[in-house]
N, C-alpha and C. Protein backbone atom coordinates (compact mmCIF):
# COMPACT_ATOMS: atom_id res chain seq x y z
N UNK A 1 0.83 -1.21 0.00
CA UNK A 1 0.00 0.00 0.00
C UNK A 1 0.86 1.26 0.00
N UNK A 2 2.02 1.19 0.65
CA UNK A 2 2.92 2.36 0.66
C UNK A 2 4.11 2.02 -0.22
N UNK A 3 4.36 2.86 -1.23
CA UNK A 3 5.45 2.61 -2.16
C UNK A 3 6.31 3.86 -2.24
N UNK A 4 7.60 3.72 -1.92
CA UNK A 4 8.55 4.83 -1.91
C UNK A 4 8.01 6.02 -1.12
N UNK A 5 7.56 5.74 0.10
CA UNK A 5 7.06 6.74 1.06
C UNK A 5 5.81 7.48 0.55
N UNK A 6 5.15 6.90 -0.42
CA UNK A 6 3.93 7.54 -0.95
C UNK A 6 2.76 6.57 -0.77
N UNK A 7 1.70 7.05 -0.17
CA UNK A 7 0.51 6.22 0.03
C UNK A 7 -0.60 6.76 -0.87
N UNK A 8 -0.91 6.05 -1.96
CA UNK A 8 -1.95 6.55 -2.88
C UNK A 8 -3.34 6.45 -2.26
N UNK A 9 -4.24 7.25 -2.80
CA UNK A 9 -5.65 7.20 -2.38
C UNK A 9 -6.22 5.83 -2.78
N UNK A 10 -7.14 5.31 -2.00
CA UNK A 10 -7.70 3.97 -2.22
C UNK A 10 -8.30 3.85 -3.62
N UNK A 11 -9.06 4.85 -4.05
CA UNK A 11 -9.68 4.79 -5.38
C UNK A 11 -8.62 4.78 -6.48
N UNK A 12 -7.58 5.55 -6.30
CA UNK A 12 -6.49 5.58 -7.28
C UNK A 12 -5.80 4.22 -7.35
N UNK A 13 -5.58 3.62 -6.20
CA UNK A 13 -4.96 2.30 -6.14
C UNK A 13 -5.84 1.25 -6.81
N UNK A 14 -7.14 1.31 -6.54
CA UNK A 14 -8.07 0.36 -7.14
C UNK A 14 -8.09 0.51 -8.66
N UNK A 15 -8.07 1.77 -9.14
CA UNK A 15 -8.07 2.03 -10.57
C UNK A 15 -6.80 1.46 -11.23
N UNK A 16 -5.66 1.67 -10.57
CA UNK A 16 -4.40 1.15 -11.10
C UNK A 16 -4.44 -0.38 -11.18
N UNK A 17 -4.93 -1.00 -10.13
CA UNK A 17 -5.03 -2.47 -10.12
C UNK A 17 -5.93 -2.95 -11.26
N UNK A 18 -7.06 -2.28 -11.43
CA UNK A 18 -8.00 -2.65 -12.47
C UNK A 18 -7.34 -2.58 -13.85
N UNK A 19 -6.67 -1.48 -14.14
CA UNK A 19 -6.03 -1.32 -15.44
C UNK A 19 -4.89 -2.32 -15.65
N UNK A 20 -4.17 -2.65 -14.58
CA UNK A 20 -3.10 -3.63 -14.72
C UNK A 20 -3.67 -5.02 -15.00
N UNK A 21 -4.76 -5.37 -14.34
CA UNK A 21 -5.41 -6.66 -14.60
C UNK A 21 -5.92 -6.71 -16.04
N UNK A 22 -6.52 -5.61 -16.49
CA UNK A 22 -7.02 -5.55 -17.88
C UNK A 22 -5.87 -5.72 -18.87
N UNK A 23 -4.75 -5.06 -18.58
CA UNK A 23 -3.59 -5.13 -19.46
C UNK A 23 -3.05 -6.56 -19.53
N UNK A 24 -2.92 -7.20 -18.38
CA UNK A 24 -2.42 -8.58 -18.35
C UNK A 24 -3.41 -9.51 -19.05
N UNK A 25 -4.69 -9.34 -18.77
CA UNK A 25 -5.72 -10.20 -19.37
C UNK A 25 -5.73 -10.08 -20.89
N UNK A 26 -5.57 -8.86 -21.40
CA UNK A 26 -5.61 -8.68 -22.85
C UNK A 26 -4.41 -9.29 -23.55
N UNK A 27 -3.32 -9.48 -22.82
CA UNK A 27 -2.12 -10.07 -23.44
C UNK A 27 -2.12 -11.59 -23.40
N UNK A 28 -3.01 -12.18 -22.63
CA UNK A 28 -3.07 -13.65 -22.53
C UNK A 28 -3.81 -14.24 -23.72
N UNK A 29 -3.45 -15.46 -24.13
CA UNK A 29 -4.21 -16.09 -25.22
C UNK A 29 -5.62 -16.43 -24.72
N UNK A 30 -6.58 -16.49 -25.62
CA UNK A 30 -7.95 -16.81 -25.20
C UNK A 30 -8.02 -18.22 -24.61
N UNK A 31 -8.85 -18.37 -23.60
CA UNK A 31 -9.03 -19.67 -22.95
C UNK A 31 -9.93 -20.51 -23.85
N UNK A 32 -9.49 -21.73 -24.19
CA UNK A 32 -10.35 -22.56 -25.03
C UNK A 32 -11.62 -22.95 -24.28
N UNK A 33 -12.72 -22.85 -24.96
CA UNK A 33 -14.02 -23.18 -24.36
C UNK A 33 -14.34 -24.62 -24.71
N UNK A 34 -14.60 -25.47 -23.67
CA UNK A 34 -14.92 -26.86 -23.97
C UNK A 34 -16.25 -26.95 -24.72
N UNK A 35 -16.42 -27.97 -25.53
CA UNK A 35 -17.69 -28.11 -26.24
C UNK A 35 -18.84 -28.25 -25.25
N UNK A 36 -19.93 -27.62 -25.57
CA UNK A 36 -21.09 -27.63 -24.69
C UNK A 36 -21.86 -28.93 -24.87
N UNK A 37 -22.00 -29.69 -23.80
CA UNK A 37 -22.73 -30.96 -23.88
C UNK A 37 -24.24 -30.78 -23.80
N UNK A 38 -24.74 -29.95 -22.85
CA UNK A 38 -26.19 -29.84 -22.79
C UNK A 38 -26.71 -29.06 -23.98
N UNK A 39 -27.91 -29.37 -24.40
CA UNK A 39 -28.48 -28.58 -25.48
C UNK A 39 -28.99 -27.27 -24.91
N UNK A 40 -28.78 -26.20 -25.64
CA UNK A 40 -29.23 -24.88 -25.21
C UNK A 40 -30.38 -24.49 -26.12
N UNK A 41 -31.55 -24.48 -25.57
CA UNK A 41 -32.74 -24.14 -26.34
C UNK A 41 -32.87 -22.62 -26.41
N UNK A 42 -33.09 -22.10 -27.59
CA UNK A 42 -33.26 -20.66 -27.77
C UNK A 42 -34.72 -20.30 -28.03
N UNK A 43 -35.61 -21.27 -27.86
CA UNK A 43 -37.03 -20.98 -28.08
C UNK A 43 -37.53 -20.06 -26.98
N UNK A 44 -38.33 -19.05 -27.32
CA UNK A 44 -38.74 -18.05 -26.34
C UNK A 44 -39.78 -18.52 -25.32
N UNK A 45 -40.41 -19.65 -25.56
CA UNK A 45 -41.42 -20.11 -24.61
C UNK A 45 -41.27 -21.62 -24.41
N UNK A 46 -41.98 -22.11 -23.39
CA UNK A 46 -41.90 -23.52 -23.04
C UNK A 46 -42.42 -24.38 -24.19
N UNK A 47 -41.74 -25.47 -24.46
CA UNK A 47 -42.12 -26.40 -25.53
C UNK A 47 -42.33 -27.78 -24.90
N UNK A 48 -43.43 -28.46 -25.24
CA UNK A 48 -43.67 -29.79 -24.66
C UNK A 48 -42.56 -30.77 -25.02
N UNK A 49 -42.34 -31.77 -24.16
CA UNK A 49 -41.31 -32.78 -24.44
C UNK A 49 -41.79 -33.74 -25.53
N UNK A 50 -40.87 -34.51 -26.09
CA UNK A 50 -41.28 -35.53 -27.06
C UNK A 50 -42.17 -36.58 -26.41
N UNK A 51 -42.87 -37.33 -27.21
CA UNK A 51 -43.76 -38.38 -26.71
C UNK A 51 -42.95 -39.37 -25.87
N UNK A 52 -43.50 -39.71 -24.71
CA UNK A 52 -42.85 -40.66 -23.81
C UNK A 52 -41.94 -40.01 -22.79
N UNK A 53 -41.75 -38.69 -22.88
CA UNK A 53 -40.90 -37.97 -21.93
C UNK A 53 -41.73 -37.08 -21.02
N UNK A 54 -41.18 -36.75 -19.88
CA UNK A 54 -41.70 -35.71 -19.00
C UNK A 54 -40.64 -34.62 -18.91
N UNK A 55 -41.09 -33.39 -18.67
CA UNK A 55 -40.15 -32.29 -18.45
C UNK A 55 -40.30 -31.81 -17.03
N UNK A 56 -39.16 -31.59 -16.38
CA UNK A 56 -39.14 -30.93 -15.07
C UNK A 56 -38.41 -29.62 -15.26
N UNK A 57 -39.11 -28.52 -15.04
CA UNK A 57 -38.47 -27.21 -15.07
C UNK A 57 -38.20 -26.78 -13.63
N UNK A 58 -37.03 -26.17 -13.40
CA UNK A 58 -36.71 -25.67 -12.07
C UNK A 58 -36.27 -24.22 -12.15
N UNK A 59 -36.57 -23.48 -11.09
CA UNK A 59 -36.13 -22.09 -10.99
C UNK A 59 -36.12 -21.68 -9.54
N UNK A 60 -35.53 -20.51 -9.27
CA UNK A 60 -35.41 -20.01 -7.90
C UNK A 60 -35.84 -18.55 -7.81
N UNK A 61 -36.18 -18.16 -6.61
CA UNK A 61 -36.38 -16.75 -6.26
C UNK A 61 -35.50 -16.50 -5.04
N UNK A 62 -34.69 -15.44 -5.11
CA UNK A 62 -33.75 -15.14 -4.02
C UNK A 62 -34.16 -13.82 -3.36
N UNK A 63 -34.20 -13.83 -2.04
CA UNK A 63 -34.44 -12.63 -1.25
C UNK A 63 -33.34 -12.53 -0.21
N UNK A 64 -33.30 -11.45 0.53
CA UNK A 64 -32.26 -11.24 1.54
C UNK A 64 -32.29 -12.32 2.62
N UNK A 65 -33.47 -12.86 2.91
CA UNK A 65 -33.61 -13.86 3.97
C UNK A 65 -33.34 -15.29 3.51
N UNK A 66 -33.28 -15.51 2.21
CA UNK A 66 -33.07 -16.85 1.70
C UNK A 66 -33.69 -17.00 0.33
N UNK A 67 -33.82 -18.24 -0.09
CA UNK A 67 -34.36 -18.47 -1.43
C UNK A 67 -35.43 -19.55 -1.37
N UNK A 68 -36.14 -19.66 -2.47
CA UNK A 68 -37.09 -20.75 -2.63
C UNK A 68 -36.92 -21.29 -4.04
N UNK A 69 -37.24 -22.56 -4.20
CA UNK A 69 -37.14 -23.17 -5.52
C UNK A 69 -38.51 -23.69 -5.92
N UNK A 70 -38.71 -23.75 -7.21
CA UNK A 70 -39.96 -24.26 -7.74
C UNK A 70 -39.70 -25.27 -8.83
N UNK A 71 -40.50 -26.32 -8.82
CA UNK A 71 -40.41 -27.37 -9.83
C UNK A 71 -41.77 -27.55 -10.48
N UNK A 72 -41.77 -27.73 -11.77
CA UNK A 72 -43.01 -27.99 -12.50
C UNK A 72 -42.77 -29.19 -13.41
N UNK A 73 -43.64 -30.20 -13.29
CA UNK A 73 -43.53 -31.40 -14.12
C UNK A 73 -44.70 -31.38 -15.10
N UNK A 74 -44.36 -31.51 -16.38
CA UNK A 74 -45.38 -31.52 -17.43
C UNK A 74 -45.06 -32.61 -18.46
N UNK A 75 -46.12 -33.10 -19.08
CA UNK A 75 -45.98 -34.12 -20.11
C UNK A 75 -46.13 -33.55 -21.49
N UNK A 76 -46.30 -34.43 -22.47
CA UNK A 76 -46.37 -34.00 -23.86
C UNK A 76 -47.61 -33.15 -24.16
N UNK A 77 -48.66 -33.30 -23.34
CA UNK A 77 -49.86 -32.50 -23.56
C UNK A 77 -49.72 -31.09 -22.98
N UNK A 78 -48.65 -30.84 -22.24
CA UNK A 78 -48.40 -29.51 -21.68
C UNK A 78 -49.09 -29.24 -20.36
N UNK A 79 -49.96 -30.16 -19.92
CA UNK A 79 -50.65 -29.95 -18.64
C UNK A 79 -49.70 -30.22 -17.48
N UNK A 80 -49.88 -29.45 -16.42
CA UNK A 80 -49.04 -29.59 -15.24
C UNK A 80 -49.44 -30.83 -14.47
N UNK A 81 -48.51 -31.77 -14.32
CA UNK A 81 -48.76 -32.99 -13.55
C UNK A 81 -48.45 -32.75 -12.08
N UNK A 82 -47.46 -31.90 -11.79
CA UNK A 82 -47.05 -31.64 -10.42
C UNK A 82 -46.33 -30.30 -10.36
N UNK A 83 -46.62 -29.54 -9.32
CA UNK A 83 -45.89 -28.30 -9.04
C UNK A 83 -45.49 -28.35 -7.58
N UNK A 84 -44.20 -28.22 -7.31
CA UNK A 84 -43.69 -28.36 -5.94
C UNK A 84 -42.78 -27.18 -5.64
N UNK A 85 -42.91 -26.65 -4.41
CA UNK A 85 -42.05 -25.56 -3.99
C UNK A 85 -41.32 -25.89 -2.70
N UNK A 86 -40.11 -25.39 -2.57
CA UNK A 86 -39.28 -25.60 -1.38
C UNK A 86 -38.70 -24.27 -0.92
N UNK A 87 -38.50 -24.13 0.37
CA UNK A 87 -37.79 -22.96 0.90
C UNK A 87 -36.41 -23.38 1.37
N UNK A 88 -35.45 -22.48 1.18
CA UNK A 88 -34.08 -22.70 1.62
C UNK A 88 -33.63 -21.44 2.37
N UNK A 89 -33.98 -21.30 3.65
CA UNK A 89 -33.65 -20.08 4.40
C UNK A 89 -32.15 -19.87 4.52
N UNK A 90 -31.75 -18.61 4.44
CA UNK A 90 -30.36 -18.23 4.67
C UNK A 90 -29.43 -18.43 3.48
N UNK A 91 -29.91 -18.99 2.39
CA UNK A 91 -29.04 -19.19 1.22
C UNK A 91 -29.39 -18.14 0.19
N UNK A 92 -28.43 -17.28 -0.14
CA UNK A 92 -28.69 -16.17 -1.06
C UNK A 92 -27.72 -16.13 -2.24
N UNK A 93 -26.76 -17.02 -2.30
CA UNK A 93 -25.83 -17.07 -3.41
C UNK A 93 -26.58 -17.56 -4.65
N UNK A 94 -26.64 -16.75 -5.74
CA UNK A 94 -27.46 -17.12 -6.90
C UNK A 94 -27.08 -18.47 -7.51
N UNK A 95 -25.79 -18.74 -7.66
CA UNK A 95 -25.37 -20.01 -8.26
C UNK A 95 -25.74 -21.18 -7.35
N UNK A 96 -25.50 -21.03 -6.05
CA UNK A 96 -25.82 -22.10 -5.10
C UNK A 96 -27.32 -22.36 -5.06
N UNK A 97 -28.13 -21.30 -5.14
CA UNK A 97 -29.58 -21.50 -5.12
C UNK A 97 -30.05 -22.26 -6.36
N UNK A 98 -29.45 -21.95 -7.51
CA UNK A 98 -29.81 -22.69 -8.73
C UNK A 98 -29.40 -24.16 -8.61
N UNK A 99 -28.24 -24.41 -8.00
CA UNK A 99 -27.83 -25.80 -7.78
C UNK A 99 -28.80 -26.52 -6.85
N UNK A 100 -29.27 -25.81 -5.81
CA UNK A 100 -30.26 -26.39 -4.90
C UNK A 100 -31.53 -26.78 -5.66
N UNK A 101 -31.98 -25.88 -6.54
CA UNK A 101 -33.19 -26.16 -7.31
C UNK A 101 -32.97 -27.36 -8.23
N UNK A 102 -31.78 -27.44 -8.83
CA UNK A 102 -31.47 -28.58 -9.69
C UNK A 102 -31.46 -29.87 -8.86
N UNK A 103 -30.90 -29.79 -7.65
CA UNK A 103 -30.90 -30.96 -6.77
C UNK A 103 -32.33 -31.37 -6.42
N UNK A 104 -33.19 -30.38 -6.18
CA UNK A 104 -34.60 -30.68 -5.90
C UNK A 104 -35.24 -31.40 -7.09
N UNK A 105 -34.92 -30.96 -8.31
CA UNK A 105 -35.47 -31.59 -9.52
C UNK A 105 -34.97 -33.03 -9.65
N UNK A 106 -33.68 -33.23 -9.41
CA UNK A 106 -33.12 -34.58 -9.51
C UNK A 106 -33.71 -35.48 -8.43
N UNK A 107 -33.87 -34.94 -7.20
CA UNK A 107 -34.47 -35.70 -6.10
C UNK A 107 -35.89 -36.12 -6.45
N UNK A 108 -36.64 -35.22 -7.08
CA UNK A 108 -38.00 -35.53 -7.49
C UNK A 108 -37.99 -36.67 -8.51
N UNK A 109 -37.09 -36.59 -9.46
CA UNK A 109 -36.95 -37.63 -10.47
C UNK A 109 -36.68 -38.98 -9.80
N UNK A 110 -35.77 -38.99 -8.83
CA UNK A 110 -35.41 -40.24 -8.15
C UNK A 110 -36.56 -40.76 -7.29
N UNK A 111 -37.19 -39.86 -6.51
CA UNK A 111 -38.24 -40.30 -5.57
C UNK A 111 -39.50 -40.77 -6.27
N UNK A 112 -39.81 -40.21 -7.42
CA UNK A 112 -41.04 -40.59 -8.13
C UNK A 112 -40.81 -41.65 -9.18
N UNK A 113 -39.55 -42.08 -9.36
CA UNK A 113 -39.22 -43.07 -10.38
C UNK A 113 -39.83 -42.71 -11.73
N UNK A 114 -39.61 -41.48 -12.13
CA UNK A 114 -40.18 -41.00 -13.39
C UNK A 114 -39.51 -41.68 -14.58
N UNK A 115 -40.25 -41.80 -15.70
CA UNK A 115 -39.66 -42.42 -16.89
C UNK A 115 -38.65 -41.47 -17.54
N UNK A 116 -38.56 -41.47 -18.82
CA UNK A 116 -37.61 -40.60 -19.54
C UNK A 116 -37.91 -39.13 -19.23
N UNK A 117 -36.86 -38.40 -18.86
CA UNK A 117 -37.05 -37.05 -18.34
C UNK A 117 -36.08 -36.06 -18.98
N UNK A 118 -36.57 -34.85 -19.19
CA UNK A 118 -35.75 -33.71 -19.59
C UNK A 118 -35.85 -32.71 -18.46
N UNK A 119 -34.71 -32.31 -17.90
CA UNK A 119 -34.69 -31.31 -16.83
C UNK A 119 -34.21 -30.00 -17.43
N UNK A 120 -35.02 -28.95 -17.26
CA UNK A 120 -34.69 -27.64 -17.82
C UNK A 120 -34.56 -26.60 -16.72
N UNK A 121 -33.58 -25.72 -16.89
CA UNK A 121 -33.39 -24.59 -16.01
C UNK A 121 -32.83 -23.43 -16.80
N UNK A 122 -32.92 -22.22 -16.25
CA UNK A 122 -32.45 -21.06 -17.00
C UNK A 122 -31.04 -20.61 -16.62
N UNK A 123 -30.32 -21.45 -15.88
CA UNK A 123 -28.92 -21.16 -15.56
C UNK A 123 -28.02 -22.06 -16.39
N UNK A 124 -27.43 -21.48 -17.46
CA UNK A 124 -26.54 -22.26 -18.32
C UNK A 124 -25.35 -22.80 -17.53
N UNK A 125 -24.87 -22.01 -16.55
CA UNK A 125 -23.72 -22.42 -15.74
C UNK A 125 -24.04 -23.70 -14.98
N UNK A 126 -25.19 -23.74 -14.34
CA UNK A 126 -25.59 -24.92 -13.55
C UNK A 126 -25.81 -26.12 -14.47
N UNK A 127 -26.46 -25.91 -15.60
CA UNK A 127 -26.69 -27.02 -16.53
C UNK A 127 -25.36 -27.58 -17.01
N UNK A 128 -24.41 -26.71 -17.34
CA UNK A 128 -23.08 -27.19 -17.76
C UNK A 128 -22.40 -27.95 -16.64
N UNK A 129 -22.49 -27.44 -15.41
CA UNK A 129 -21.86 -28.10 -14.27
C UNK A 129 -22.45 -29.50 -14.07
N UNK A 130 -23.75 -29.64 -14.23
CA UNK A 130 -24.38 -30.95 -14.06
C UNK A 130 -23.94 -31.92 -15.15
N UNK A 131 -23.67 -31.40 -16.34
CA UNK A 131 -23.22 -32.26 -17.44
C UNK A 131 -21.74 -32.62 -17.31
N UNK A 132 -20.92 -31.65 -16.89
CA UNK A 132 -19.48 -31.88 -16.81
C UNK A 132 -19.06 -32.39 -15.44
N UNK A 133 -19.79 -32.00 -14.38
CA UNK A 133 -19.52 -32.50 -13.05
C UNK A 133 -18.24 -32.02 -12.40
N UNK A 134 -17.77 -30.83 -12.74
CA UNK A 134 -16.52 -30.34 -12.16
C UNK A 134 -16.77 -29.02 -11.45
N UNK A 135 -16.37 -28.95 -10.17
CA UNK A 135 -16.41 -27.69 -9.43
C UNK A 135 -15.33 -27.72 -8.37
N UNK A 136 -14.45 -26.72 -8.42
CA UNK A 136 -13.38 -26.63 -7.45
C UNK A 136 -13.76 -25.71 -6.30
N UNK A 137 -14.93 -25.11 -6.38
CA UNK A 137 -15.39 -24.16 -5.38
C UNK A 137 -15.70 -24.89 -4.08
N UNK A 138 -15.13 -24.43 -2.97
CA UNK A 138 -15.29 -25.13 -1.70
C UNK A 138 -16.72 -25.09 -1.17
N UNK A 139 -17.46 -24.01 -1.47
CA UNK A 139 -18.83 -23.88 -0.97
C UNK A 139 -19.79 -24.65 -1.87
N UNK A 140 -19.62 -24.49 -3.18
CA UNK A 140 -20.58 -25.06 -4.12
C UNK A 140 -20.25 -26.50 -4.49
N UNK A 141 -18.99 -26.88 -4.36
CA UNK A 141 -18.56 -28.23 -4.71
C UNK A 141 -19.37 -29.32 -4.03
N UNK A 142 -19.59 -29.24 -2.71
CA UNK A 142 -20.39 -30.29 -2.05
C UNK A 142 -21.81 -30.38 -2.60
N UNK A 143 -22.41 -29.25 -2.94
CA UNK A 143 -23.78 -29.28 -3.49
C UNK A 143 -23.78 -29.95 -4.86
N UNK A 144 -22.77 -29.65 -5.67
CA UNK A 144 -22.67 -30.29 -6.97
C UNK A 144 -22.43 -31.79 -6.80
N UNK A 145 -21.60 -32.16 -5.82
CA UNK A 145 -21.37 -33.59 -5.56
C UNK A 145 -22.66 -34.28 -5.14
N UNK A 146 -23.50 -33.60 -4.34
CA UNK A 146 -24.81 -34.16 -3.97
C UNK A 146 -25.63 -34.44 -5.23
N UNK A 147 -25.64 -33.47 -6.13
CA UNK A 147 -26.40 -33.63 -7.38
C UNK A 147 -25.88 -34.82 -8.17
N UNK A 148 -24.55 -34.89 -8.31
CA UNK A 148 -23.95 -35.96 -9.10
C UNK A 148 -24.17 -37.32 -8.45
N UNK A 149 -24.16 -37.37 -7.12
CA UNK A 149 -24.42 -38.63 -6.42
C UNK A 149 -25.86 -39.08 -6.68
N UNK A 150 -26.80 -38.13 -6.62
CA UNK A 150 -28.19 -38.47 -6.95
C UNK A 150 -28.30 -38.95 -8.38
N UNK A 151 -27.60 -38.29 -9.29
CA UNK A 151 -27.65 -38.67 -10.70
C UNK A 151 -27.11 -40.08 -10.92
N UNK A 152 -26.16 -40.49 -10.09
CA UNK A 152 -25.59 -41.83 -10.26
C UNK A 152 -26.61 -42.92 -9.97
N UNK A 153 -27.68 -42.58 -9.24
CA UNK A 153 -28.71 -43.57 -8.94
C UNK A 153 -29.85 -43.56 -9.96
N UNK A 154 -29.74 -42.69 -10.96
CA UNK A 154 -30.79 -42.59 -11.98
C UNK A 154 -30.50 -43.58 -13.10
N UNK A 155 -31.48 -44.41 -13.40
CA UNK A 155 -31.29 -45.41 -14.45
C UNK A 155 -32.15 -45.12 -15.67
N UNK A 156 -32.89 -44.00 -15.65
CA UNK A 156 -33.76 -43.68 -16.78
C UNK A 156 -33.02 -42.77 -17.75
N UNK A 157 -33.60 -42.57 -18.91
CA UNK A 157 -33.05 -41.65 -19.90
C UNK A 157 -33.23 -40.23 -19.37
N UNK A 158 -32.13 -39.47 -19.29
CA UNK A 158 -32.18 -38.14 -18.71
C UNK A 158 -31.37 -37.18 -19.56
N UNK A 159 -31.93 -36.00 -19.77
CA UNK A 159 -31.26 -34.96 -20.54
C UNK A 159 -31.42 -33.63 -19.82
N UNK A 160 -30.36 -32.82 -19.83
CA UNK A 160 -30.42 -31.48 -19.25
C UNK A 160 -30.46 -30.46 -20.38
N UNK A 161 -31.26 -29.42 -20.19
CA UNK A 161 -31.33 -28.34 -21.18
C UNK A 161 -31.36 -27.00 -20.46
N UNK A 162 -30.58 -26.07 -21.00
CA UNK A 162 -30.66 -24.68 -20.55
C UNK A 162 -31.65 -23.97 -21.45
N UNK A 163 -32.56 -23.24 -20.82
CA UNK A 163 -33.60 -22.53 -21.58
C UNK A 163 -33.62 -21.07 -21.15
N UNK A 164 -34.14 -20.18 -21.99
CA UNK A 164 -34.26 -18.79 -21.56
C UNK A 164 -35.32 -18.65 -20.47
N UNK A 165 -35.25 -17.57 -19.73
CA UNK A 165 -36.21 -17.35 -18.64
C UNK A 165 -37.66 -17.39 -19.11
N UNK A 166 -37.89 -16.92 -20.32
CA UNK A 166 -39.26 -16.90 -20.83
C UNK A 166 -39.83 -18.31 -21.00
N UNK A 167 -38.97 -19.31 -21.12
CA UNK A 167 -39.43 -20.69 -21.23
C UNK A 167 -39.50 -21.37 -19.87
N UNK A 168 -39.24 -20.61 -18.82
CA UNK A 168 -39.16 -21.19 -17.47
C UNK A 168 -40.09 -20.45 -16.50
N UNK A 169 -41.09 -19.77 -17.02
CA UNK A 169 -41.96 -18.92 -16.20
C UNK A 169 -42.74 -19.69 -15.14
N UNK A 170 -43.26 -20.87 -15.50
CA UNK A 170 -44.09 -21.62 -14.55
C UNK A 170 -43.28 -22.01 -13.32
N UNK A 171 -42.05 -22.48 -13.51
CA UNK A 171 -41.21 -22.85 -12.37
C UNK A 171 -40.89 -21.62 -11.52
N UNK A 172 -40.71 -20.48 -12.16
CA UNK A 172 -40.45 -19.24 -11.42
C UNK A 172 -41.67 -18.85 -10.57
N UNK A 173 -42.86 -19.01 -11.13
CA UNK A 173 -44.09 -18.69 -10.38
C UNK A 173 -44.23 -19.59 -9.16
N UNK A 174 -43.90 -20.87 -9.33
CA UNK A 174 -43.98 -21.81 -8.19
C UNK A 174 -42.96 -21.41 -7.12
N UNK A 175 -41.75 -21.04 -7.54
CA UNK A 175 -40.72 -20.62 -6.58
C UNK A 175 -41.16 -19.37 -5.83
N UNK A 176 -41.78 -18.45 -6.55
CA UNK A 176 -42.27 -17.21 -5.90
C UNK A 176 -43.37 -17.53 -4.89
N UNK A 177 -44.26 -18.45 -5.23
CA UNK A 177 -45.33 -18.84 -4.31
C UNK A 177 -44.76 -19.56 -3.09
N UNK A 178 -43.74 -20.40 -3.32
CA UNK A 178 -43.11 -21.14 -2.22
C UNK A 178 -42.40 -20.21 -1.25
N UNK A 179 -41.96 -19.05 -1.72
CA UNK A 179 -41.27 -18.09 -0.86
C UNK A 179 -42.19 -17.60 0.27
N UNK A 180 -43.49 -17.67 0.07
CA UNK A 180 -44.47 -17.21 1.06
C UNK A 180 -44.74 -18.24 2.15
N UNK A 181 -44.23 -19.45 1.97
CA UNK A 181 -44.50 -20.52 2.93
C UNK A 181 -43.58 -20.40 4.14
N UNK A 182 -43.95 -21.10 5.22
CA UNK A 182 -43.08 -21.11 6.39
C UNK A 182 -41.81 -21.88 6.04
N UNK A 183 -40.68 -21.56 6.68
CA UNK A 183 -39.42 -22.19 6.32
C UNK A 183 -39.47 -23.72 6.35
N UNK A 184 -38.79 -24.29 5.37
CA UNK A 184 -38.62 -25.73 5.20
C UNK A 184 -39.92 -26.47 4.90
N UNK A 185 -40.99 -25.72 4.69
CA UNK A 185 -42.25 -26.38 4.36
C UNK A 185 -42.21 -26.81 2.89
N UNK A 186 -42.66 -28.01 2.65
CA UNK A 186 -42.74 -28.52 1.29
C UNK A 186 -44.20 -28.55 0.90
N UNK A 187 -44.51 -28.03 -0.24
CA UNK A 187 -45.91 -28.05 -0.64
C UNK A 187 -46.04 -28.61 -2.04
N UNK A 188 -47.09 -29.35 -2.23
CA UNK A 188 -47.43 -29.81 -3.56
C UNK A 188 -48.71 -29.08 -3.93
N UNK A 189 -48.65 -28.27 -4.95
CA UNK A 189 -49.80 -27.45 -5.31
C UNK A 189 -50.79 -28.28 -6.11
N UNK A 190 -51.95 -28.52 -5.52
CA UNK A 190 -52.95 -29.32 -6.21
C UNK A 190 -53.67 -28.51 -7.29
N UNK A 191 -53.96 -27.27 -6.99
CA UNK A 191 -54.64 -26.43 -7.97
C UNK A 191 -53.59 -25.56 -8.64
N UNK A 192 -53.36 -25.80 -9.90
CA UNK A 192 -52.27 -25.11 -10.58
C UNK A 192 -52.74 -24.22 -11.72
N UNK A 193 -54.03 -23.84 -11.69
CA UNK A 193 -54.53 -22.95 -12.72
C UNK A 193 -53.80 -21.62 -12.78
N UNK A 194 -53.27 -21.17 -11.63
CA UNK A 194 -52.57 -19.88 -11.57
C UNK A 194 -51.24 -19.93 -12.29
N UNK A 195 -50.77 -21.12 -12.70
CA UNK A 195 -49.49 -21.22 -13.40
C UNK A 195 -49.60 -20.76 -14.86
N UNK A 196 -50.76 -20.85 -15.44
CA UNK A 196 -50.89 -20.59 -16.89
C UNK A 196 -51.15 -19.14 -17.19
């Protein structure tokens, strides 16, 4: 912080650091991007799964007090078979909350012994992580390992897809509704007309 008996102002120091990082970054060769395994759907709205498949969409809502996740299961006819919401108090990290929602979707798949399934979420990062299974992050790594351990017990045909938010609205609505529940309460919404 002090260089040759001169102590720069904090903002000046931060600016210098920023420009030095930019300079070093611009001189480095580009990082090769691994091929993307999950399919990335660019369709603006939800699309029914192929015949014989079910789709589970997951999403989260994050507030200062914690987050909630929502899952929506639909078949080829597009009708909602199940809508489930969970609360996760005290967790506000956006990436971690999306991983929690993905874990909820995988748990649902395992617990209900669903047939061929497509799991969709609007976090490309999480979808890629579930496909590649690599995380060196000390906080998020255990959650990803939980997801991968659950996936190892799945014997059905399973595909992950990243979709735009506009194709994930129903799961977001369920997550928003679940945020109103008491902590750790699990609800299965029987009347789901409000989703459409």
